[in-house]
Amino acid sequence: MNADSRDGIPDGWQPAPLGDICDIQAGGPALRRSEGAPDGVPLVRPADLRHRRISPEPGMPHVSPERSRDFRRHRLVADDILVSRTGTVGRAALVTAHEQDWLYNSHLLRVRPYDPAQSLYLVAYLARRATADWLESRAVGTTGMRSITVRTLSDLPVLLPPVDQQRDIGAALAAVDEKIRAHEDIVRTTGALRDTLSDLLMSGQRPPRP
C-alpha cells in the first residue's frame, strides 16, 4: 500500500467528514424508571453498548406501545450505529436485525450510513482510541457531564479505503469482537457457577456428582 502526496494518505483512500457519508440524529425519549412498560419497545442507553454491539443491561427500560408512536423517527434499523453522546463520549455499537425498531434515548446519537455496506467499517472506525480522543477533546461540559453534539460528530474526519477494503477491515474486526463477546459470556457463566459451588460447599452441602 503506497502513500500519495496528501499527508501520507494511501492511494485510493479518501478523507471525508462523517456527516457527508451518514445521516446523524440526536436521541429520543428520556424515560424515567417509573414510566417503564415491560411489554413495550426496548429503549437503548449508553450502558447497553458493549464491544461494538447492543448488550442490554438488567433493568433495560421499555417504552409503552402507545407512547412509542410519538418516536417513530427514533426507531432503529439494522446497520445503524449508536454513539454515546454523554458521559464516556464516543462509545459505539452496531444495530443488528435483532434490535430493529428499538428506540434509543437522549444520551445517544444515531448514525445511519447512506451506504449500509460501510456500517461495519464505520463502527470499527468510531471505536478507535484515536476517534475517542478526538471526540473527548471537543466535548463540552464539566467532568462526568461532558457531551458532544450532532455537529461535533458530523465534523469527525474519517479515512475511507475503497469499499472492498472497508468490507474486509470491518469483517475482520467484527470477528475479533465476536470472540471477545464469546469469551466474556464464558467468564460470566463460569463466575456464576463458581458462586453457586461456593455457596453449596460453605453451607455444608455437596453438589451432586456428575
N, C-alpha and C. Protein backbone atom coordinates (compact mmCIF):
# COMPACT_ATOMS: atom_id res chain seq x y z
N MET A 1 0.86 -1.18 0.00
CA MET A 1 0.00 0.00 0.00
C MET A 1 0.90 1.23 0.00
N ASN A 2 0.83 2.02 -1.05
CA ASN A 2 1.67 3.20 -1.18
C ASN A 2 0.93 4.44 -0.73
N ALA A 3 1.68 5.38 -0.17
CA ALA A 3 1.09 6.64 0.24
C ALA A 3 1.27 7.66 -0.87
N ASP A 4 0.25 8.47 -1.09
CA ASP A 4 0.39 9.52 -2.08
C ASP A 4 0.88 10.79 -1.40
N SER A 5 0.76 11.91 -2.06
CA SER A 5 1.33 13.15 -1.55
C SER A 5 0.42 13.86 -0.56
N ARG A 6 -0.76 13.33 -0.28
CA ARG A 6 -1.70 14.02 0.59
C ARG A 6 -1.48 13.62 2.04
N ASP A 7 -0.42 14.12 2.63
CA ASP A 7 -0.15 13.88 4.05
C ASP A 7 -0.11 12.40 4.39
N GLY A 8 0.44 11.58 3.52
CA GLY A 8 0.60 10.17 3.82
C GLY A 8 -0.65 9.34 3.66
N ILE A 9 -1.70 9.86 3.03
CA ILE A 9 -2.92 9.08 2.81
C ILE A 9 -2.64 8.04 1.73
N PRO A 10 -2.95 6.75 1.98
CA PRO A 10 -2.68 5.72 0.98
C PRO A 10 -3.44 5.95 -0.32
N ASP A 11 -2.86 5.45 -1.40
CA ASP A 11 -3.53 5.54 -2.71
C ASP A 11 -4.92 4.91 -2.63
N GLY A 12 -5.90 5.58 -3.18
CA GLY A 12 -7.26 5.06 -3.24
C GLY A 12 -8.08 5.34 -2.01
N TRP A 13 -7.47 5.88 -0.96
CA TRP A 13 -8.19 6.22 0.25
C TRP A 13 -8.63 7.68 0.18
N GLN A 14 -9.77 7.97 0.80
CA GLN A 14 -10.30 9.32 0.76
C GLN A 14 -10.73 9.79 2.15
N PRO A 15 -10.36 11.01 2.54
CA PRO A 15 -10.88 11.55 3.80
C PRO A 15 -12.24 12.19 3.58
N ALA A 16 -13.10 12.09 4.58
CA ALA A 16 -14.43 12.71 4.48
C ALA A 16 -14.98 12.94 5.89
N PRO A 17 -15.69 14.05 6.10
CA PRO A 17 -16.37 14.21 7.40
C PRO A 17 -17.48 13.16 7.52
N LEU A 18 -17.69 12.66 8.73
CA LEU A 18 -18.70 11.63 8.93
C LEU A 18 -20.07 12.10 8.46
N GLY A 19 -20.36 13.39 8.65
CA GLY A 19 -21.67 13.92 8.25
C GLY A 19 -21.90 13.92 6.75
N ASP A 20 -20.84 13.75 5.95
CA ASP A 20 -21.01 13.70 4.50
C ASP A 20 -21.44 12.31 4.02
N ILE A 21 -21.20 11.29 4.84
CA ILE A 21 -21.50 9.92 4.41
C ILE A 21 -22.57 9.25 5.26
N CYS A 22 -23.07 9.98 6.27
CA CYS A 22 -24.07 9.42 7.17
C CYS A 22 -25.10 10.48 7.54
N ASP A 23 -26.31 10.02 7.84
CA ASP A 23 -27.31 10.86 8.47
C ASP A 23 -27.16 10.68 9.98
N ILE A 24 -27.00 11.78 10.70
CA ILE A 24 -26.77 11.72 12.15
C ILE A 24 -27.92 12.42 12.85
N GLN A 25 -28.50 11.75 13.83
CA GLN A 25 -29.69 12.27 14.51
C GLN A 25 -29.53 12.16 16.02
N ALA A 26 -30.01 13.17 16.72
CA ALA A 26 -29.97 13.17 18.18
C ALA A 26 -30.94 12.14 18.75
N GLY A 27 -30.77 11.84 20.04
CA GLY A 27 -31.53 10.77 20.68
C GLY A 27 -32.99 11.07 20.91
N GLY A 28 -33.69 10.04 21.35
CA GLY A 28 -35.13 10.11 21.52
C GLY A 28 -35.55 10.35 22.96
N PRO A 29 -36.47 9.55 23.48
CA PRO A 29 -37.08 9.82 24.78
C PRO A 29 -36.09 9.67 25.94
N ALA A 30 -36.27 10.55 26.92
CA ALA A 30 -35.55 10.42 28.20
C ALA A 30 -36.56 9.84 29.19
N LEU A 31 -36.54 8.54 29.34
CA LEU A 31 -37.58 7.84 30.09
C LEU A 31 -37.19 7.67 31.54
N ARG A 32 -38.07 8.06 32.45
CA ARG A 32 -37.86 7.80 33.87
C ARG A 32 -38.24 6.36 34.18
N ARG A 33 -37.56 5.79 35.17
CA ARG A 33 -37.79 4.37 35.51
C ARG A 33 -39.27 4.09 35.79
N SER A 34 -39.95 5.04 36.42
CA SER A 34 -41.36 4.85 36.78
C SER A 34 -42.27 4.80 35.55
N GLU A 35 -41.75 5.24 34.40
CA GLU A 35 -42.57 5.26 33.19
C GLU A 35 -42.43 3.98 32.38
N GLY A 36 -41.62 3.05 32.84
CA GLY A 36 -41.35 1.86 32.06
C GLY A 36 -42.58 1.00 31.82
N ALA A 37 -42.55 0.26 30.71
CA ALA A 37 -43.64 -0.65 30.36
C ALA A 37 -43.00 -1.97 29.94
N PRO A 38 -43.07 -3.02 30.77
CA PRO A 38 -42.36 -4.26 30.50
C PRO A 38 -42.64 -4.85 29.13
N ASP A 39 -43.86 -4.64 28.61
CA ASP A 39 -44.21 -5.23 27.32
C ASP A 39 -44.05 -4.23 26.18
N GLY A 40 -43.32 -3.14 26.43
CA GLY A 40 -43.17 -2.10 25.42
C GLY A 40 -41.96 -2.29 24.54
N VAL A 41 -41.54 -1.19 23.91
CA VAL A 41 -40.41 -1.19 22.98
C VAL A 41 -39.12 -0.92 23.77
N PRO A 42 -38.09 -1.77 23.63
CA PRO A 42 -36.84 -1.55 24.36
C PRO A 42 -36.22 -0.19 24.03
N LEU A 43 -35.66 0.44 25.05
CA LEU A 43 -35.03 1.75 24.90
C LEU A 43 -33.55 1.61 25.24
N VAL A 44 -32.69 1.78 24.24
CA VAL A 44 -31.25 1.58 24.42
C VAL A 44 -30.63 2.78 25.13
N ARG A 45 -29.72 2.49 26.07
CA ARG A 45 -28.98 3.51 26.81
C ARG A 45 -27.48 3.32 26.57
N PRO A 46 -26.65 4.31 26.89
CA PRO A 46 -25.20 4.12 26.71
C PRO A 46 -24.66 2.89 27.43
N ALA A 47 -25.21 2.55 28.60
CA ALA A 47 -24.73 1.38 29.35
C ALA A 47 -24.97 0.08 28.59
N ASP A 48 -25.85 0.08 27.59
CA ASP A 48 -26.16 -1.13 26.83
C ASP A 48 -25.22 -1.35 25.65
N LEU A 49 -24.27 -0.43 25.43
CA LEU A 49 -23.32 -0.56 24.33
C LEU A 49 -22.05 -1.21 24.85
N ARG A 50 -21.76 -2.44 24.38
CA ARG A 50 -20.58 -3.16 24.83
C ARG A 50 -19.98 -3.94 23.68
N HIS A 51 -18.65 -3.77 23.52
CA HIS A 51 -17.92 -4.48 22.47
C HIS A 51 -18.56 -4.30 21.10
N ARG A 52 -18.92 -3.06 20.81
CA ARG A 52 -19.44 -2.66 19.49
C ARG A 52 -20.78 -3.28 19.15
N ARG A 53 -21.50 -3.79 20.14
CA ARG A 53 -22.85 -4.32 19.94
C ARG A 53 -23.75 -3.84 21.08
N ILE A 54 -25.06 -4.04 20.92
CA ILE A 54 -26.02 -3.71 21.96
C ILE A 54 -26.22 -4.95 22.82
N SER A 55 -25.82 -4.85 24.08
CA SER A 55 -25.95 -5.94 25.04
C SER A 55 -26.72 -5.40 26.24
N PRO A 56 -28.04 -5.55 26.24
CA PRO A 56 -28.86 -4.92 27.28
C PRO A 56 -28.45 -5.29 28.69
N GLU A 57 -28.32 -4.28 29.53
CA GLU A 57 -28.08 -4.47 30.95
C GLU A 57 -29.40 -4.80 31.64
N PRO A 58 -29.35 -5.45 32.82
CA PRO A 58 -30.60 -5.71 33.58
C PRO A 58 -31.34 -4.42 33.85
N GLY A 59 -32.65 -4.48 33.78
CA GLY A 59 -33.45 -3.29 34.03
C GLY A 59 -33.57 -2.37 32.83
N MET A 60 -33.24 -2.86 31.65
CA MET A 60 -33.37 -2.02 30.46
C MET A 60 -34.81 -1.51 30.35
N PRO A 61 -35.00 -0.19 30.22
CA PRO A 61 -36.37 0.35 30.17
C PRO A 61 -37.06 0.04 28.85
N HIS A 62 -38.39 0.04 28.89
CA HIS A 62 -39.21 -0.15 27.71
C HIS A 62 -40.23 0.97 27.62
N VAL A 63 -40.49 1.41 26.42
CA VAL A 63 -41.47 2.48 26.18
C VAL A 63 -42.79 1.83 25.80
N SER A 64 -43.87 2.30 26.38
CA SER A 64 -45.18 1.72 26.09
C SER A 64 -45.49 1.83 24.60
N PRO A 65 -46.22 0.85 24.05
CA PRO A 65 -46.56 0.92 22.62
C PRO A 65 -47.26 2.22 22.24
N GLU A 66 -48.09 2.74 23.12
CA GLU A 66 -48.80 3.99 22.81
C GLU A 66 -47.83 5.15 22.69
N ARG A 67 -46.94 5.28 23.70
CA ARG A 67 -46.01 6.40 23.68
C ARG A 67 -44.97 6.24 22.58
N SER A 68 -44.61 5.01 22.25
CA SER A 68 -43.57 4.80 21.25
C SER A 68 -43.98 5.34 19.88
N ARG A 69 -45.30 5.48 19.65
CA ARG A 69 -45.74 6.03 18.36
C ARG A 69 -45.29 7.47 18.17
N ASP A 70 -45.01 8.17 19.27
CA ASP A 70 -44.54 9.55 19.17
C ASP A 70 -43.07 9.64 18.78
N PHE A 71 -42.41 8.48 18.73
CA PHE A 71 -40.97 8.48 18.47
C PHE A 71 -40.63 7.63 17.24
N ARG A 72 -41.49 7.67 16.24
CA ARG A 72 -41.24 6.85 15.04
C ARG A 72 -39.90 7.18 14.39
N ARG A 73 -39.53 8.46 14.39
CA ARG A 73 -38.28 8.86 13.73
C ARG A 73 -37.05 8.40 14.51
N HIS A 74 -37.27 7.91 15.72
CA HIS A 74 -36.16 7.40 16.51
C HIS A 74 -36.12 5.87 16.54
N ARG A 75 -36.87 5.24 15.66
CA ARG A 75 -36.80 3.78 15.55
C ARG A 75 -35.49 3.40 14.86
N LEU A 76 -34.86 2.36 15.38
CA LEU A 76 -33.60 1.89 14.81
C LEU A 76 -33.85 0.91 13.67
N VAL A 77 -32.93 0.88 12.73
CA VAL A 77 -32.95 -0.13 11.67
C VAL A 77 -31.59 -0.81 11.65
N ALA A 78 -31.55 -2.03 11.13
CA ALA A 78 -30.29 -2.77 11.04
C ALA A 78 -29.27 -1.96 10.26
N ASP A 79 -28.03 -2.00 10.74
CA ASP A 79 -26.87 -1.29 10.17
C ASP A 79 -26.77 0.16 10.62
N ASP A 80 -27.71 0.63 11.46
CA ASP A 80 -27.48 1.90 12.15
C ASP A 80 -26.32 1.72 13.11
N ILE A 81 -25.75 2.84 13.53
CA ILE A 81 -24.70 2.84 14.55
C ILE A 81 -25.13 3.80 15.65
N LEU A 82 -25.01 3.38 16.90
CA LEU A 82 -25.29 4.25 18.03
C LEU A 82 -23.98 4.72 18.64
N VAL A 83 -23.94 5.99 19.01
CA VAL A 83 -22.74 6.58 19.62
C VAL A 83 -23.16 7.32 20.89
N SER A 84 -22.46 7.07 21.99
CA SER A 84 -22.81 7.75 23.24
C SER A 84 -22.47 9.23 23.14
N ARG A 85 -23.43 10.04 23.51
CA ARG A 85 -23.30 11.50 23.43
C ARG A 85 -22.80 12.10 24.73
N THR A 86 -23.08 11.46 25.85
CA THR A 86 -22.72 11.99 27.16
C THR A 86 -21.89 10.97 27.93
N GLY A 87 -21.30 11.43 29.05
CA GLY A 87 -20.51 10.53 29.88
C GLY A 87 -19.24 10.11 29.16
N THR A 88 -19.10 8.80 28.91
CA THR A 88 -17.99 8.29 28.11
C THR A 88 -18.34 8.51 26.65
N VAL A 89 -18.02 9.70 26.15
CA VAL A 89 -18.47 10.06 24.80
C VAL A 89 -17.77 9.20 23.76
N GLY A 90 -18.51 8.87 22.70
CA GLY A 90 -17.93 8.18 21.58
C GLY A 90 -18.02 6.67 21.62
N ARG A 91 -18.57 6.07 22.67
CA ARG A 91 -18.75 4.62 22.67
C ARG A 91 -19.72 4.26 21.56
N ALA A 92 -19.37 3.27 20.73
CA ALA A 92 -20.16 2.98 19.53
C ALA A 92 -20.61 1.53 19.50
N ALA A 93 -21.76 1.30 18.85
CA ALA A 93 -22.28 -0.07 18.69
C ALA A 93 -23.10 -0.16 17.41
N LEU A 94 -23.01 -1.30 16.75
CA LEU A 94 -23.77 -1.57 15.54
C LEU A 94 -25.14 -2.12 15.89
N VAL A 95 -26.15 -1.65 15.21
CA VAL A 95 -27.51 -2.18 15.38
C VAL A 95 -27.69 -3.36 14.43
N THR A 96 -28.16 -4.48 14.94
CA THR A 96 -28.40 -5.66 14.12
C THR A 96 -29.90 -5.83 13.89
N ALA A 97 -30.25 -6.86 13.11
CA ALA A 97 -31.67 -7.11 12.83
C ALA A 97 -32.44 -7.41 14.12
N HIS A 98 -31.74 -7.93 15.14
CA HIS A 98 -32.42 -8.24 16.41
C HIS A 98 -32.96 -6.98 17.07
N GLU A 99 -32.29 -5.83 16.89
CA GLU A 99 -32.72 -4.58 17.53
C GLU A 99 -33.55 -3.70 16.60
N GLN A 100 -33.96 -4.25 15.46
CA GLN A 100 -34.80 -3.50 14.53
C GLN A 100 -36.04 -2.94 15.25
N ASP A 101 -36.30 -1.66 15.06
CA ASP A 101 -37.47 -0.96 15.62
C ASP A 101 -37.34 -0.64 17.10
N TRP A 102 -36.21 -0.94 17.74
CA TRP A 102 -35.99 -0.47 19.09
C TRP A 102 -35.82 1.05 19.07
N LEU A 103 -35.88 1.67 20.24
CA LEU A 103 -35.65 3.10 20.38
C LEU A 103 -34.33 3.34 21.12
N TYR A 104 -33.83 4.56 21.05
CA TYR A 104 -32.61 4.92 21.77
C TYR A 104 -32.84 6.23 22.50
N ASN A 105 -32.20 6.38 23.66
CA ASN A 105 -32.55 7.53 24.49
C ASN A 105 -31.74 8.78 24.16
N SER A 106 -31.96 9.82 24.93
CA SER A 106 -31.41 11.14 24.61
C SER A 106 -29.91 11.25 24.85
N HIS A 107 -29.30 10.22 25.43
CA HIS A 107 -27.86 10.24 25.67
C HIS A 107 -27.08 9.60 24.52
N LEU A 108 -27.78 9.25 23.45
CA LEU A 108 -27.15 8.60 22.30
C LEU A 108 -27.41 9.39 21.03
N LEU A 109 -26.51 9.23 20.07
CA LEU A 109 -26.70 9.76 18.72
C LEU A 109 -26.82 8.58 17.76
N ARG A 110 -27.71 8.70 16.78
CA ARG A 110 -27.88 7.64 15.79
C ARG A 110 -27.17 8.03 14.49
N VAL A 111 -26.29 7.15 14.03
CA VAL A 111 -25.54 7.36 12.79
C VAL A 111 -26.05 6.36 11.78
N ARG A 112 -26.58 6.84 10.66
CA ARG A 112 -27.13 5.95 9.63
C ARG A 112 -26.36 6.16 8.33
N PRO A 113 -25.43 5.25 7.99
CA PRO A 113 -24.66 5.40 6.75
C PRO A 113 -25.58 5.42 5.53
N TYR A 114 -25.27 6.30 4.59
CA TYR A 114 -26.04 6.32 3.35
C TYR A 114 -25.83 5.03 2.57
N ASP A 115 -24.67 4.41 2.74
CA ASP A 115 -24.39 3.10 2.15
C ASP A 115 -24.23 2.10 3.30
N PRO A 116 -25.25 1.24 3.55
CA PRO A 116 -25.17 0.30 4.67
C PRO A 116 -23.95 -0.62 4.62
N ALA A 117 -23.36 -0.79 3.42
CA ALA A 117 -22.18 -1.64 3.31
C ALA A 117 -21.00 -1.08 4.09
N GLN A 118 -21.06 0.19 4.45
CA GLN A 118 -19.97 0.82 5.19
C GLN A 118 -20.11 0.67 6.71
N SER A 119 -21.22 0.11 7.17
CA SER A 119 -21.51 0.12 8.60
C SER A 119 -20.45 -0.57 9.44
N LEU A 120 -20.02 -1.77 9.06
CA LEU A 120 -19.03 -2.50 9.85
C LEU A 120 -17.73 -1.72 9.94
N TYR A 121 -17.31 -1.14 8.82
CA TYR A 121 -16.07 -0.35 8.85
C TYR A 121 -16.23 0.88 9.73
N LEU A 122 -17.35 1.56 9.60
CA LEU A 122 -17.54 2.80 10.35
C LEU A 122 -17.65 2.57 11.85
N VAL A 123 -18.33 1.49 12.26
CA VAL A 123 -18.42 1.24 13.70
C VAL A 123 -17.02 0.92 14.25
N ALA A 124 -16.21 0.24 13.46
CA ALA A 124 -14.84 -0.04 13.89
C ALA A 124 -14.02 1.26 13.94
N TYR A 125 -14.24 2.14 12.98
CA TYR A 125 -13.52 3.42 12.96
C TYR A 125 -13.93 4.27 14.16
N LEU A 126 -15.21 4.29 14.46
CA LEU A 126 -15.69 5.06 15.60
C LEU A 126 -15.19 4.50 16.93
N ALA A 127 -14.89 3.21 16.95
CA ALA A 127 -14.44 2.57 18.19
C ALA A 127 -12.94 2.74 18.43
N ARG A 128 -12.21 3.35 17.49
CA ARG A 128 -10.77 3.54 17.66
C ARG A 128 -10.46 4.48 18.82
N ARG A 129 -9.34 4.23 19.49
CA ARG A 129 -8.90 5.12 20.56
C ARG A 129 -8.68 6.53 20.05
N ALA A 130 -8.11 6.65 18.84
CA ALA A 130 -7.86 7.98 18.27
C ALA A 130 -9.16 8.75 18.06
N THR A 131 -10.21 8.04 17.65
CA THR A 131 -11.51 8.68 17.46
C THR A 131 -12.08 9.14 18.81
N ALA A 132 -11.99 8.28 19.82
CA ALA A 132 -12.48 8.63 21.15
C ALA A 132 -11.75 9.86 21.68
N ASP A 133 -10.43 9.92 21.46
CA ASP A 133 -9.65 11.07 21.92
C ASP A 133 -10.08 12.34 21.19
N TRP A 134 -10.34 12.22 19.88
CA TRP A 134 -10.76 13.38 19.07
C TRP A 134 -12.09 13.92 19.59
N LEU A 135 -13.03 13.02 19.86
CA LEU A 135 -14.34 13.45 20.36
C LEU A 135 -14.24 14.01 21.77
N GLU A 136 -13.47 13.35 22.62
CA GLU A 136 -13.33 13.81 24.00
C GLU A 136 -12.72 15.21 24.06
N SER A 137 -11.79 15.48 23.17
CA SER A 137 -11.15 16.80 23.18
C SER A 137 -12.10 17.90 22.75
N ARG A 138 -13.20 17.53 22.12
CA ARG A 138 -14.17 18.51 21.64
C ARG A 138 -15.48 18.48 22.44
N ALA A 139 -15.54 17.60 23.44
CA ALA A 139 -16.73 17.54 24.29
C ALA A 139 -16.79 18.78 25.18
N VAL A 140 -17.99 19.16 25.54
CA VAL A 140 -18.18 20.33 26.38
C VAL A 140 -18.86 19.92 27.68
N GLY A 141 -18.71 20.75 28.71
CA GLY A 141 -19.34 20.46 29.99
C GLY A 141 -18.33 20.12 31.06
N THR A 142 -18.82 19.82 32.24
CA THR A 142 -17.96 19.52 33.38
C THR A 142 -17.63 18.04 33.42
N THR A 143 -16.65 17.69 34.23
CA THR A 143 -16.25 16.29 34.38
C THR A 143 -17.45 15.44 34.80
N GLY A 144 -17.67 14.34 34.08
CA GLY A 144 -18.80 13.47 34.38
C GLY A 144 -20.07 13.85 33.66
N MET A 145 -20.11 15.08 33.13
CA MET A 145 -21.30 15.54 32.41
C MET A 145 -20.95 16.07 31.04
N ARG A 146 -19.81 15.63 30.51
CA ARG A 146 -19.38 16.12 29.21
C ARG A 146 -20.23 15.50 28.10
N SER A 147 -20.36 16.22 26.99
CA SER A 147 -21.22 15.73 25.92
C SER A 147 -20.73 16.25 24.58
N ILE A 148 -21.16 15.58 23.53
CA ILE A 148 -20.88 16.03 22.17
C ILE A 148 -22.21 16.28 21.46
N THR A 149 -22.15 17.05 20.39
CA THR A 149 -23.35 17.41 19.63
C THR A 149 -23.35 16.67 18.29
N VAL A 150 -24.49 16.76 17.62
CA VAL A 150 -24.58 16.23 16.26
C VAL A 150 -23.55 16.89 15.37
N ARG A 151 -23.37 18.20 15.53
CA ARG A 151 -22.39 18.94 14.73
C ARG A 151 -20.99 18.41 14.95
N THR A 152 -20.62 18.16 16.22
CA THR A 152 -19.28 17.65 16.50
C THR A 152 -19.06 16.31 15.82
N LEU A 153 -20.02 15.39 15.97
CA LEU A 153 -19.86 14.08 15.36
C LEU A 153 -19.85 14.17 13.84
N SER A 154 -20.64 15.08 13.29
CA SER A 154 -20.67 15.26 11.85
C SER A 154 -19.32 15.73 11.31
N ASP A 155 -18.59 16.49 12.11
CA ASP A 155 -17.29 17.02 11.68
C ASP A 155 -16.15 16.02 11.81
N LEU A 156 -16.42 14.86 12.42
CA LEU A 156 -15.36 13.88 12.62
C LEU A 156 -14.73 13.48 11.29
N PRO A 157 -13.42 13.63 11.13
CA PRO A 157 -12.78 13.21 9.88
C PRO A 157 -12.63 11.69 9.84
N VAL A 158 -13.06 11.10 8.74
CA VAL A 158 -12.99 9.65 8.56
C VAL A 158 -12.12 9.36 7.34
N LEU A 159 -11.22 8.40 7.47
CA LEU A 159 -10.38 7.99 6.35
C LEU A 159 -10.98 6.73 5.74
N LEU A 160 -11.39 6.82 4.47
CA LEU A 160 -12.13 5.73 3.83
C LEU A 160 -11.28 5.04 2.77
N PRO A 161 -11.00 3.74 2.97
CA PRO A 161 -10.37 2.97 1.90
C PRO A 161 -11.41 2.61 0.84
N PRO A 162 -11.01 2.01 -0.27
CA PRO A 162 -12.00 1.53 -1.24
C PRO A 162 -13.01 0.60 -0.56
N VAL A 163 -14.20 0.52 -1.14
CA VAL A 163 -15.31 -0.20 -0.49
C VAL A 163 -14.95 -1.65 -0.19
N ASP A 164 -14.26 -2.34 -1.09
CA ASP A 164 -13.93 -3.74 -0.83
C ASP A 164 -13.00 -3.87 0.36
N GLN A 165 -12.09 -2.92 0.54
CA GLN A 165 -11.21 -2.94 1.71
C GLN A 165 -11.98 -2.59 2.97
N GLN A 166 -12.95 -1.70 2.85
CA GLN A 166 -13.79 -1.39 4.01
C GLN A 166 -14.48 -2.65 4.51
N ARG A 167 -15.03 -3.43 3.57
CA ARG A 167 -15.72 -4.67 3.95
C ARG A 167 -14.77 -5.63 4.65
N ASP A 168 -13.56 -5.79 4.09
CA ASP A 168 -12.60 -6.73 4.67
C ASP A 168 -12.16 -6.29 6.06
N ILE A 169 -11.86 -5.01 6.21
CA ILE A 169 -11.42 -4.49 7.51
C ILE A 169 -12.54 -4.62 8.54
N GLY A 170 -13.76 -4.21 8.14
CA GLY A 170 -14.89 -4.29 9.05
C GLY A 170 -15.19 -5.71 9.47
N ALA A 171 -15.15 -6.66 8.52
CA ALA A 171 -15.44 -8.05 8.83
C ALA A 171 -14.38 -8.65 9.75
N ALA A 172 -13.10 -8.32 9.52
CA ALA A 172 -12.03 -8.86 10.35
C ALA A 172 -12.16 -8.39 11.79
N LEU A 173 -12.43 -7.10 11.98
CA LEU A 173 -12.56 -6.57 13.33
C LEU A 173 -13.85 -7.04 14.00
N ALA A 174 -14.91 -7.23 13.22
CA ALA A 174 -16.16 -7.76 13.78
C ALA A 174 -15.96 -9.18 14.29
N ALA A 175 -15.15 -9.97 13.58
CA ALA A 175 -14.87 -11.35 14.02
C ALA A 175 -14.13 -11.35 15.35
N VAL A 176 -13.19 -10.41 15.51
CA VAL A 176 -12.47 -10.30 16.79
C VAL A 176 -13.45 -9.91 17.90
N ASP A 177 -14.32 -8.96 17.62
CA ASP A 177 -15.31 -8.54 18.62
C ASP A 177 -16.20 -9.71 19.03
N GLU A 178 -16.56 -10.56 18.07
CA GLU A 178 -17.40 -11.72 18.37
C GLU A 178 -16.68 -12.66 19.33
N LYS A 179 -15.39 -12.85 19.14
CA LYS A 179 -14.62 -13.70 20.04
C LYS A 179 -14.55 -13.09 21.44
N ILE A 180 -14.41 -11.76 21.51
CA ILE A 180 -14.38 -11.08 22.80
C ILE A 180 -15.69 -11.32 23.54
N ARG A 181 -16.82 -11.16 22.81
CA ARG A 181 -18.13 -11.35 23.46
C ARG A 181 -18.32 -12.79 23.90
N ALA A 182 -17.84 -13.74 23.09
CA ALA A 182 -17.98 -15.16 23.46
C ALA A 182 -17.18 -15.46 24.72
N HIS A 183 -15.96 -14.96 24.81
CA HIS A 183 -15.13 -15.20 25.99
C HIS A 183 -15.75 -14.52 27.21
N GLU A 184 -16.32 -13.35 27.02
CA GLU A 184 -16.97 -12.65 28.14
C GLU A 184 -18.14 -13.47 28.66
N ASP A 185 -18.91 -14.09 27.76
CA ASP A 185 -20.04 -14.93 28.18
C ASP A 185 -19.54 -16.13 28.98
N ILE A 186 -18.41 -16.72 28.54
CA ILE A 186 -17.85 -17.87 29.24
C ILE A 186 -17.41 -17.46 30.65
N VAL A 187 -16.75 -16.31 30.74
CA VAL A 187 -16.29 -15.82 32.05
C VAL A 187 -17.48 -15.57 32.97
N ARG A 188 -18.55 -14.95 32.42
CA ARG A 188 -19.73 -14.64 33.23
C ARG A 188 -20.40 -15.93 33.74
N THR A 189 -20.55 -16.91 32.83
CA THR A 189 -21.19 -18.17 33.21
C THR A 189 -20.36 -18.94 34.22
N THR A 190 -19.04 -18.98 33.99
CA THR A 190 -18.16 -19.69 34.91
C THR A 190 -18.15 -19.01 36.28
N GLY A 191 -18.20 -17.69 36.30
CA GLY A 191 -18.25 -16.96 37.56
C GLY A 191 -19.51 -17.28 38.34
N ALA A 192 -20.65 -17.36 37.64
CA ALA A 192 -21.90 -17.71 38.31
C ALA A 192 -21.85 -19.13 38.85
N LEU A 193 -21.25 -20.06 38.08
CA LEU A 193 -21.11 -21.44 38.54
C LEU A 193 -20.24 -21.51 39.78
N ARG A 194 -19.18 -20.74 39.80
CA ARG A 194 -18.27 -20.72 40.93
C ARG A 194 -18.99 -20.20 42.18
N ASP A 195 -19.81 -19.16 42.03
CA ASP A 195 -20.56 -18.63 43.18
C ASP A 195 -21.52 -19.66 43.75
N THR A 196 -22.20 -20.38 42.85
CA THR A 196 -23.14 -21.41 43.29
C THR A 196 -22.41 -22.53 44.03
N LEU A 197 -21.28 -22.96 43.47
CA LEU A 197 -20.49 -24.03 44.09
C LEU A 197 -19.97 -23.59 45.46
N SER A 198 -19.53 -22.34 45.54
CA SER A 198 -19.02 -21.81 46.81
C SER A 198 -20.10 -21.83 47.88
N ASP A 199 -21.31 -21.40 47.52
CA ASP A 199 -22.41 -21.38 48.49
C ASP A 199 -22.73 -22.79 48.97
N LEU A 200 -22.73 -23.76 48.05
CA LEU A 200 -23.03 -25.14 48.43
C LEU A 200 -21.97 -25.70 49.38
N LEU A 201 -20.71 -25.55 49.02
CA LEU A 201 -19.62 -26.12 49.81
C LEU A 201 -19.51 -25.48 51.18
N MET A 202 -19.73 -24.18 51.24
CA MET A 202 -19.55 -23.47 52.51
C MET A 202 -20.80 -23.48 53.38
N SER A 203 -21.84 -24.15 52.90
CA SER A 203 -23.04 -24.34 53.74
C SER A 203 -23.13 -25.79 54.22
N GLY A 204 -22.08 -26.58 53.95
CA GLY A 204 -22.07 -27.96 54.39
C GLY A 204 -22.74 -28.89 53.41
N GLN A 205 -23.20 -28.38 52.28
CA GLN A 205 -23.85 -29.23 51.29
C GLN A 205 -22.83 -29.62 50.24
N ARG A 206 -23.13 -30.71 49.55
CA ARG A 206 -22.24 -31.15 48.48
C ARG A 206 -23.03 -31.20 47.18
N PRO A 207 -22.47 -30.69 46.13
CA PRO A 207 -23.17 -30.79 44.85
C PRO A 207 -23.24 -32.23 44.39
N PRO A 208 -24.27 -32.60 43.63
CA PRO A 208 -24.36 -33.97 43.14
C PRO A 208 -23.20 -34.29 42.23
N ARG A 209 -22.75 -35.56 42.28
CA ARG A 209 -21.68 -35.97 41.38
C ARG A 209 -22.20 -35.99 39.95
N PRO A 210 -21.35 -35.61 39.01
CA PRO A 210 -21.79 -35.63 37.60
C PRO A 210 -22.02 -37.05 37.14
